């Protein structure tokens, strides 16, 4: 039995990086939805239960529109209203609740309500298993979401177990969707990369590439995403030649499949520039940063709102790459209030932005300012994550370096 998806079923990988280079190296699983990101494509209201209830329809449609504008708290309230109506109409064990529960869980995840998100995802998983059986291929969709949450929370052992089960279910299904299988392989590769298993990660990313549905035009954005992940896996295994080859192919693919002035082209240039920079090949990195700066500048425009945030962060990254730290700092100062308005002042995304701002202040010799910003970031993260979380440890180390 198939049920029509809500907008959470359009979640797509966002790439394994934050927009500020020093935040990389956890492979950026965190908060920019390194596993899965809320996207609200046009025409995806998906009112699964066929009920003549105007409040239900308005709630689901309203949630989609709210997500497009970055009003996640409002979208969550709308989806929770729709969930209650569906429960009353169909009962608490209906399969028709699952797409709404997935949407609720993803919005809770996006708002850093991690415990609630986990409960919602487990509820949805239990309903799929109850209605279709634990061996049904549809169970893998729910497992992917749960593994993605665990990945973001650095609960890697749990993520690995969950995603290995998802992969086994997809492989056992004779009618497995190659695109879905590829995304599950990719997610498991991210988990193995986080666990330090570079060779296993390479295998999963390679299998994901093979499983992109033959005979059709592959998803170009997902192809770029896989190449970047594969580059990270090769670099983690110290195979820098292969990593460079993947990043160069990613840039070629972006130039071929997307417009010259596109977010994908900027991302690819910046990723390759980062690689050259890390390898000390500044003469190769500099032209790429300059090209990324020019292109990203055309994408930003003069509006600083939720929709502009990705462009602004790419532009800030390019300004940092060419060494214009005052401009990069100014951009992060504009980005911070927008993210605070979207997520709230105590959200992890704000902590990441404060880290990026602190990086620019440190490069400008303002160690005192940088230390205060890192302390603010820590104050946000410590109530949410354990002391041994990689990001918390990274912040502690950076603070220690500033005090020297």
Protein backbone atom coordinates (compact mmCIF):
# COMPACT_ATOMS: atom_id res chain seq x y z
CA UNK A 1 0.00 0.00 0.00
CA UNK A 2 1.36 3.40 -0.96
CA UNK A 3 0.42 6.60 0.79
CA UNK A 4 0.87 10.03 -0.68
CA UNK A 5 3.84 11.92 0.81
CA UNK A 6 3.85 15.25 2.55
CA UNK A 7 6.65 17.75 2.14
CA UNK A 8 9.00 15.76 4.38
CA UNK A 9 9.18 13.14 1.65
CA UNK A 10 10.82 15.73 -0.57
CA UNK A 11 13.75 16.05 1.83
CA UNK A 12 17.00 16.11 -0.05
CA UNK A 13 20.61 15.92 1.08
CA UNK A 14 22.14 19.30 1.75
CA UNK A 15 25.82 18.44 1.43
CA UNK A 16 28.27 17.74 4.19
CA UNK A 17 29.40 21.17 5.14
CA UNK A 18 28.51 24.24 7.05
CA UNK A 19 29.05 27.55 5.33
CA UNK A 20 31.96 28.56 7.53
CA UNK A 21 35.10 26.56 6.84
CA UNK A 22 36.21 26.07 10.48
CA UNK A 23 32.93 24.28 11.18
CA UNK A 24 33.70 21.58 8.62
CA UNK A 25 35.51 18.44 9.84
CA UNK A 26 32.53 17.13 11.71
CA UNK A 27 31.64 16.68 8.08
CA UNK A 28 28.96 19.27 8.79
CA UNK A 29 26.25 16.77 9.69
CA UNK A 30 24.75 19.31 12.03
CA UNK A 31 21.86 21.73 11.73
CA UNK A 32 22.16 22.64 8.08
CA UNK A 33 20.57 19.21 7.86
CA UNK A 34 23.68 17.31 6.74
CA UNK A 35 21.51 14.25 6.51
CA UNK A 36 18.19 15.66 5.24
CA UNK A 37 16.79 19.14 4.72
CA UNK A 38 13.24 20.45 4.70
CA UNK A 39 12.26 21.53 1.20
CA UNK A 40 8.77 22.64 0.28
CA UNK A 41 8.48 22.24 -3.50
CA UNK A 42 5.60 23.87 -5.33
CA UNK A 43 2.51 21.75 -5.51
CA UNK A 44 3.20 19.46 -2.56
CA UNK A 45 0.36 20.11 -0.12
CA UNK A 46 -0.36 16.36 -0.03
CA UNK A 47 -3.58 16.13 1.96
CA UNK A 48 -3.40 12.37 2.38
CA UNK A 49 -6.68 11.60 4.20
CA UNK A 50 -9.49 12.25 1.73
CA UNK A 51 -11.70 14.17 4.16
CA UNK A 52 -13.95 17.14 3.55
CA UNK A 53 -12.41 19.18 6.32
CA UNK A 54 -11.43 22.71 5.45
CA UNK A 55 -9.34 23.16 8.61
CA UNK A 56 -7.29 20.08 7.73
CA UNK A 57 -6.61 21.27 4.20
CA UNK A 58 -5.81 24.80 5.32
CA UNK A 59 -3.43 23.47 7.97
CA UNK A 60 -1.45 21.32 5.55
CA UNK A 61 -1.34 23.97 2.83
CA UNK A 62 -0.44 26.59 5.40
CA UNK A 63 2.44 24.45 6.65
CA UNK A 64 3.90 24.21 3.15
CA UNK A 65 3.68 27.96 2.63
CA UNK A 66 5.22 28.62 6.06
CA UNK A 67 8.16 26.32 5.31
CA UNK A 68 8.86 28.19 2.07
CA UNK A 69 9.27 31.40 4.10
CA UNK A 70 11.26 29.80 6.91
CA UNK A 71 8.41 30.10 9.44
CA UNK A 72 9.08 26.68 10.93
CA UNK A 73 7.34 27.18 14.28
CA UNK A 74 4.18 28.29 12.51
CA UNK A 75 4.44 25.34 10.10
CA UNK A 76 4.80 22.97 13.05
CA UNK A 77 1.65 24.30 14.70
CA UNK A 78 -0.25 23.84 11.44
CA UNK A 79 0.95 20.26 11.01
CA UNK A 80 0.10 19.42 14.62
CA UNK A 81 -3.42 20.70 14.01
CA UNK A 82 -3.68 18.52 10.90
CA UNK A 83 -2.35 15.53 12.84
CA UNK A 84 -5.01 15.90 15.54
CA UNK A 85 -7.77 16.12 12.93
CA UNK A 86 -6.45 13.01 11.16
CA UNK A 87 -6.22 11.11 14.45
CA UNK A 88 -9.83 11.96 15.28
CA UNK A 89 -10.96 10.93 11.80
CA UNK A 90 -8.96 7.73 11.34
CA UNK A 91 -7.74 6.68 14.78
CA UNK A 92 -4.28 6.69 16.35
CA UNK A 93 -2.98 3.62 14.47
CA UNK A 94 -3.86 4.59 10.90
CA UNK A 95 -1.18 4.47 8.23
CA UNK A 96 -2.57 7.76 6.97
CA UNK A 97 -1.00 9.53 9.93
CA UNK A 98 2.55 8.68 8.87
CA UNK A 99 3.22 11.44 6.29
CA UNK A 100 1.90 14.06 8.71
CA UNK A 101 3.98 12.62 11.55
CA UNK A 102 7.05 12.75 9.31
CA UNK A 103 6.40 16.42 8.60
CA UNK A 104 5.91 17.14 12.30
CA UNK A 105 9.14 15.30 13.14
CA UNK A 106 11.21 17.10 10.52
CA UNK A 107 9.95 20.48 11.69
CA UNK A 108 10.73 19.59 15.31
CA UNK A 109 14.17 18.49 14.15
CA UNK A 110 14.66 21.75 12.29
CA UNK A 111 13.70 23.68 15.43
CA UNK A 112 16.16 21.66 17.57
CA UNK A 113 13.34 19.92 19.44
CA UNK A 114 15.30 16.71 19.13
CA UNK A 115 13.57 14.57 21.75
CA UNK A 116 10.13 15.38 20.35
CA UNK A 117 11.37 14.73 16.82
CA UNK A 118 12.71 11.31 17.78
CA UNK A 119 9.40 10.39 19.41
CA UNK A 120 7.44 11.48 16.33
CA UNK A 121 9.73 9.51 14.01
CA UNK A 122 9.47 6.39 16.17
CA UNK A 123 5.69 6.73 16.25
CA UNK A 124 5.59 6.93 12.47
CA UNK A 125 7.95 3.95 12.17
CA UNK A 126 5.77 1.91 14.52
CA UNK A 127 2.66 2.69 12.46
CA UNK A 128 4.31 1.60 9.21
CA UNK A 129 5.50 -1.64 10.81
CA UNK A 130 2.10 -2.32 12.36
CA UNK A 131 0.15 -1.71 9.16
CA UNK A 132 2.54 -3.11 6.54
CA UNK A 133 4.78 -5.45 8.50
CA UNK A 134 8.38 -4.96 9.68
CA UNK A 135 9.80 -6.39 6.46
CA UNK A 136 7.96 -4.08 4.07
CA UNK A 137 10.09 -1.81 1.91
CA UNK A 138 8.15 1.25 3.05
CA UNK A 139 9.70 0.81 6.51
CA UNK A 140 13.04 1.93 5.02
CA UNK A 141 11.67 5.44 4.42
CA UNK A 142 10.95 5.87 8.13
CA UNK A 143 14.31 4.34 9.04
CA UNK A 144 16.12 6.80 6.78
CA UNK A 145 14.57 9.73 8.61
CA UNK A 146 15.40 8.31 12.03
CA UNK A 147 18.98 7.53 11.01
CA UNK A 148 19.34 11.06 9.66
CA UNK A 149 18.33 12.51 13.02
CA UNK A 150 20.78 10.26 14.86
CA UNK A 151 23.49 11.32 12.41
CA UNK A 152 22.86 14.99 13.12
CA UNK A 153 23.03 14.27 16.86
CA UNK A 154 26.29 12.33 16.45
CA UNK A 155 24.60 9.18 17.77
CA UNK A 156 26.49 7.27 15.15
CA UNK A 157 26.23 3.72 16.48
CA UNK A 158 22.43 4.02 16.56
CA UNK A 159 22.40 5.64 13.12
CA UNK A 160 24.52 2.81 11.70
CA UNK A 161 22.23 0.08 13.08
CA UNK A 162 19.09 1.81 11.84
CA UNK A 163 20.45 2.56 8.39
CA UNK A 164 21.90 -0.92 7.87
CA UNK A 165 18.39 -2.23 8.48
CA UNK A 166 17.01 0.28 5.95
CA UNK A 167 19.57 -0.83 3.36
CA UNK A 168 18.76 -4.51 3.92
CA UNK A 169 15.05 -3.82 3.43
CA UNK A 170 15.66 -1.92 0.21
CA UNK A 171 17.99 -4.58 -1.16
CA UNK A 172 15.47 -7.31 -0.31
CA UNK A 173 12.69 -5.53 -2.17
CA UNK A 174 12.50 -6.72 -5.75
CA UNK A 175 10.81 -3.46 -6.77
CA UNK A 176 13.32 -1.27 -4.97
CA UNK A 177 13.46 2.28 -6.28
CA UNK A 178 17.08 2.86 -7.40
CA UNK A 179 16.92 6.51 -6.37
CA UNK A 180 15.75 5.57 -2.87
CA UNK A 181 18.38 2.85 -2.66
CA UNK A 182 21.04 5.36 -3.69
CA UNK A 183 19.95 7.79 -0.97
CA UNK A 184 20.03 5.06 1.67
CA UNK A 185 23.53 4.01 0.55
CA UNK A 186 24.58 7.66 0.72
CA UNK A 187 23.20 8.13 4.22
CA UNK A 188 24.93 4.98 5.45
CA UNK A 189 28.12 6.25 3.86
CA UNK A 190 27.81 9.47 5.86
CA UNK A 191 27.40 7.43 9.03
CA UNK A 192 30.48 5.33 8.28
CA UNK A 193 32.42 8.49 7.50
CA UNK A 194 31.45 9.88 10.89
CA UNK A 195 32.63 6.65 12.52
CA UNK A 196 36.00 6.99 10.80
CA UNK A 197 35.44 4.05 8.45
CA UNK A 198 36.68 5.75 5.30
CA UNK A 199 36.89 2.65 3.11
CA UNK A 200 33.35 1.55 4.01
CA UNK A 201 32.11 5.07 3.34
CA UNK A 202 33.78 5.01 -0.08
CA UNK A 203 32.03 1.72 -0.86
CA UNK A 204 28.59 3.05 0.08
CA UNK A 205 29.02 6.30 -1.85
CA UNK A 206 30.25 4.32 -4.86
CA UNK A 207 27.23 2.01 -4.64
CA UNK A 208 24.98 5.05 -4.40
CA UNK A 209 26.42 6.33 -7.67
CA UNK A 210 25.82 2.95 -9.33
CA UNK A 211 22.24 2.83 -8.10
CA UNK A 212 21.17 6.12 -9.64
CA UNK A 213 18.34 4.96 -11.82
CA UNK A 214 19.66 3.80 -15.20
CA UNK A 215 17.99 4.91 -18.38
CA UNK A 216 16.89 8.26 -16.97
CA UNK A 217 18.52 11.62 -16.47
CA UNK A 218 20.05 11.38 -12.98
CA UNK A 219 19.30 13.95 -10.33
CA UNK A 220 22.09 16.42 -11.03
CA UNK A 221 22.05 17.95 -7.55
CA UNK A 222 22.24 14.52 -5.92
CA UNK A 223 25.10 13.56 -8.24
CA UNK A 224 27.05 16.59 -7.04
CA UNK A 225 26.21 15.72 -3.47
CA UNK A 226 27.57 12.18 -3.92
CA UNK A 227 30.78 13.40 -5.51
CA UNK A 228 31.38 15.73 -2.57
CA UNK A 229 30.77 12.94 -0.09
CA UNK A 230 33.05 10.62 -1.99
CA UNK A 231 35.73 13.32 -1.97
CA UNK A 232 35.42 13.60 1.81
CA UNK A 233 35.71 9.83 2.16
CA UNK A 234 38.84 9.70 -0.02
CA UNK A 235 40.38 12.61 1.88
CA UNK A 236 39.59 10.88 5.18
CA UNK A 237 41.51 7.87 3.86
CA UNK A 238 44.40 10.14 2.79
CA UNK A 239 43.75 9.45 -0.90
CA UNK A 240 44.00 13.10 -1.89
CA UNK A 241 44.41 12.46 -5.62
CA UNK A 242 41.04 10.72 -5.76
CA UNK A 243 39.49 13.40 -3.56
CA UNK A 244 40.73 16.09 -5.92
CA UNK A 245 39.42 14.16 -8.93
CA UNK A 246 35.94 13.96 -7.36
CA UNK A 247 35.86 17.69 -6.61
CA UNK A 248 37.08 18.58 -10.10
CA UNK A 249 34.39 16.34 -11.59
CA UNK A 250 31.84 17.99 -9.31
CA UNK A 251 32.78 21.40 -10.66
CA UNK A 252 32.63 20.16 -14.26
CA UNK A 253 29.20 18.63 -13.59
CA UNK A 254 27.91 21.83 -11.99
CA UNK A 255 29.10 23.89 -14.96
CA UNK A 256 27.49 21.44 -17.40
CA UNK A 257 24.16 20.79 -15.68
CA UNK A 258 23.44 24.17 -14.10
CA UNK A 259 23.59 27.79 -15.17
CA UNK A 260 27.00 29.50 -14.88
CA UNK A 261 25.55 31.81 -12.24
CA UNK A 262 24.02 29.23 -9.89
CA UNK A 263 24.34 28.13 -6.27
CA UNK A 264 25.59 24.75 -7.48
CA UNK A 265 28.43 26.34 -9.45
CA UNK A 266 29.48 28.45 -6.46
CA UNK A 267 29.37 25.46 -4.10
CA UNK A 268 31.54 23.40 -6.43
CA UNK A 269 34.10 26.18 -6.85
CA UNK A 270 34.28 26.82 -3.12
CA UNK A 271 34.65 23.13 -2.28
CA UNK A 272 37.55 22.72 -4.70
CA UNK A 273 39.11 25.98 -3.49
CA UNK A 274 38.85 24.71 0.10
CA UNK A 275 40.61 21.52 -0.92
CA UNK A 276 43.48 23.38 -2.61
CA UNK A 277 43.71 25.75 0.36
CA UNK A 278 43.93 22.84 2.81
CA UNK A 279 46.69 21.28 0.68
CA UNK A 280 48.66 24.52 0.65
CA UNK A 281 48.07 25.11 -3.07
CA UNK A 282 47.07 28.73 -2.72
CA UNK A 283 47.91 29.57 -6.33
CA UNK A 284 45.12 27.17 -7.40
CA UNK A 285 42.68 28.18 -4.68
CA UNK A 286 42.82 31.94 -5.24
CA UNK A 287 41.31 32.05 -8.79
CA UNK A 288 38.49 29.77 -7.68
CA UNK A 289 37.71 31.96 -4.68
CA UNK A 290 37.69 35.04 -6.91
CA UNK A 291 35.35 33.38 -9.38
CA UNK A 292 33.09 32.16 -6.57
CA UNK A 293 33.04 35.65 -5.10
CA UNK A 294 31.95 37.20 -8.39
CA UNK A 295 29.27 34.58 -9.01
CA UNK A 296 27.86 34.51 -5.48
CA UNK A 297 27.72 38.29 -5.45
CA UNK A 298 25.34 38.16 -8.41
CA UNK A 299 23.08 35.72 -6.54
CA UNK A 300 22.69 37.70 -3.33
CA UNK A 301 20.97 40.87 -4.45
CA UNK A 302 20.08 43.47 -1.83
CA UNK A 303 17.56 41.54 0.28
CA UNK A 304 18.62 39.91 3.54
CA UNK A 305 15.90 37.42 4.43
CA UNK A 306 15.45 33.68 4.94
CA UNK A 307 15.49 32.92 1.20
CA UNK A 308 18.75 34.85 0.79
CA UNK A 309 20.57 33.04 3.62
CA UNK A 310 22.25 30.32 1.52
CA UNK A 311 23.53 32.92 -0.95
CA UNK A 312 24.77 35.17 1.85
CA UNK A 313 26.66 32.33 3.48
CA UNK A 314 28.30 31.32 0.21
CA UNK A 315 29.28 34.95 -0.34
CA UNK A 316 30.74 35.18 3.18
CA UNK A 317 32.72 32.04 2.52
CA UNK A 318 34.09 33.50 -0.72
CA UNK A 319 35.04 36.81 0.95
CA UNK A 320 36.93 34.81 3.56
CA UNK A 321 38.59 32.79 0.79
CA UNK A 322 39.97 35.89 -0.94
CA UNK A 323 41.11 37.26 2.42
CA UNK A 324 38.63 40.12 2.78
CA UNK A 325 37.83 39.39 6.41
CA UNK A 326 36.13 42.73 7.17
CA UNK A 327 33.57 42.05 4.42
CA UNK A 328 33.12 38.45 5.54
CA UNK A 329 32.60 39.64 9.10
CA UNK A 330 30.05 42.21 7.93
CA UNK A 331 28.09 39.51 6.14
CA UNK A 332 27.99 37.26 9.20
CA UNK A 333 26.70 40.22 11.20
CA UNK A 334 23.84 40.50 8.70
CA UNK A 335 23.23 36.75 8.66
CA UNK A 336 22.96 36.32 12.43
CA UNK A 337 19.76 38.34 13.03
CA UNK A 338 18.03 36.60 10.12
CA UNK A 339 18.83 33.16 11.54
CA UNK A 340 17.77 34.32 15.00
CA UNK A 341 14.44 35.48 13.60
CA UNK A 342 13.91 32.16 11.82
CA UNK A 343 15.09 29.73 14.49
CA UNK A 344 15.27 31.68 17.75
CA UNK A 345 18.29 33.09 19.56
CA UNK A 346 19.15 29.79 21.30
CA UNK A 347 19.13 27.58 18.22
CA UNK A 348 22.23 25.59 17.16
CA UNK A 349 22.27 27.30 13.77
CA UNK A 350 22.85 30.59 15.57
CA UNK A 351 25.74 28.91 17.43
CA UNK A 352 27.29 27.94 14.09
CA UNK A 353 26.95 31.51 12.83
CA UNK A 354 28.61 32.83 15.98
CA UNK A 355 31.49 30.43 15.34
CA UNK A 356 31.83 31.78 11.81
CA UNK A 357 31.80 35.36 13.10
CA UNK A 358 34.40 34.46 15.73
CA UNK A 359 36.62 33.01 13.01
CA UNK A 360 36.62 36.34 11.17
CA UNK A 361 37.26 38.33 14.36
CA UNK A 362 40.20 36.07 15.19
CA UNK A 363 41.65 36.61 11.71
CA UNK A 364 41.28 40.36 12.23
CA UNK A 365 43.23 40.15 15.48
CA UNK A 366 40.16 40.73 17.68
CA UNK A 367 40.76 37.77 19.99
CA UNK A 368 38.65 39.20 22.81
CA UNK A 369 35.59 39.54 20.56
CA UNK A 370 36.18 36.10 19.09
CA UNK A 371 36.36 34.54 22.57
CA UNK A 372 33.10 36.16 23.64
CA UNK A 373 31.34 34.92 20.50
CA UNK A 374 32.62 31.39 21.05
CA UNK A 375 31.41 31.51 24.65
CA UNK A 376 27.95 32.56 23.41
CA UNK A 377 28.03 29.65 20.98
CA UNK A 378 28.99 27.21 23.72
CA UNK A 379 26.19 28.51 25.94
CA UNK A 380 23.73 27.53 23.19
CA UNK A 381 25.22 24.11 22.44
CA UNK A 382 26.04 22.74 25.88
CA UNK A 383 22.40 22.33 27.04
CA UNK A 384 21.68 20.39 23.84
CA UNK A 385 24.75 18.19 23.42
CA UNK A 386 27.07 16.22 25.68
CA UNK A 387 30.52 17.51 26.57
CA UNK A 388 32.18 14.90 24.34
CA UNK A 389 30.24 15.98 21.26
CA UNK A 390 32.77 16.81 18.50
CA UNK A 391 31.41 20.30 17.97
CA UNK A 392 31.52 21.12 21.68
CA UNK A 393 35.08 19.80 21.87
CA UNK A 394 36.02 21.88 18.83
CA UNK A 395 34.68 25.02 20.48
CA UNK A 396 36.55 24.29 23.70
CA UNK A 397 39.77 23.81 21.71
CA UNK A 398 39.29 27.06 19.82
CA UNK A 399 38.70 28.95 23.04
CA UNK A 400 41.88 27.45 24.49
CA UNK A 401 43.84 28.52 21.39
CA UNK A 402 42.58 32.10 21.72
CA UNK A 403 43.75 32.29 25.32
CA UNK A 404 47.36 31.42 24.43
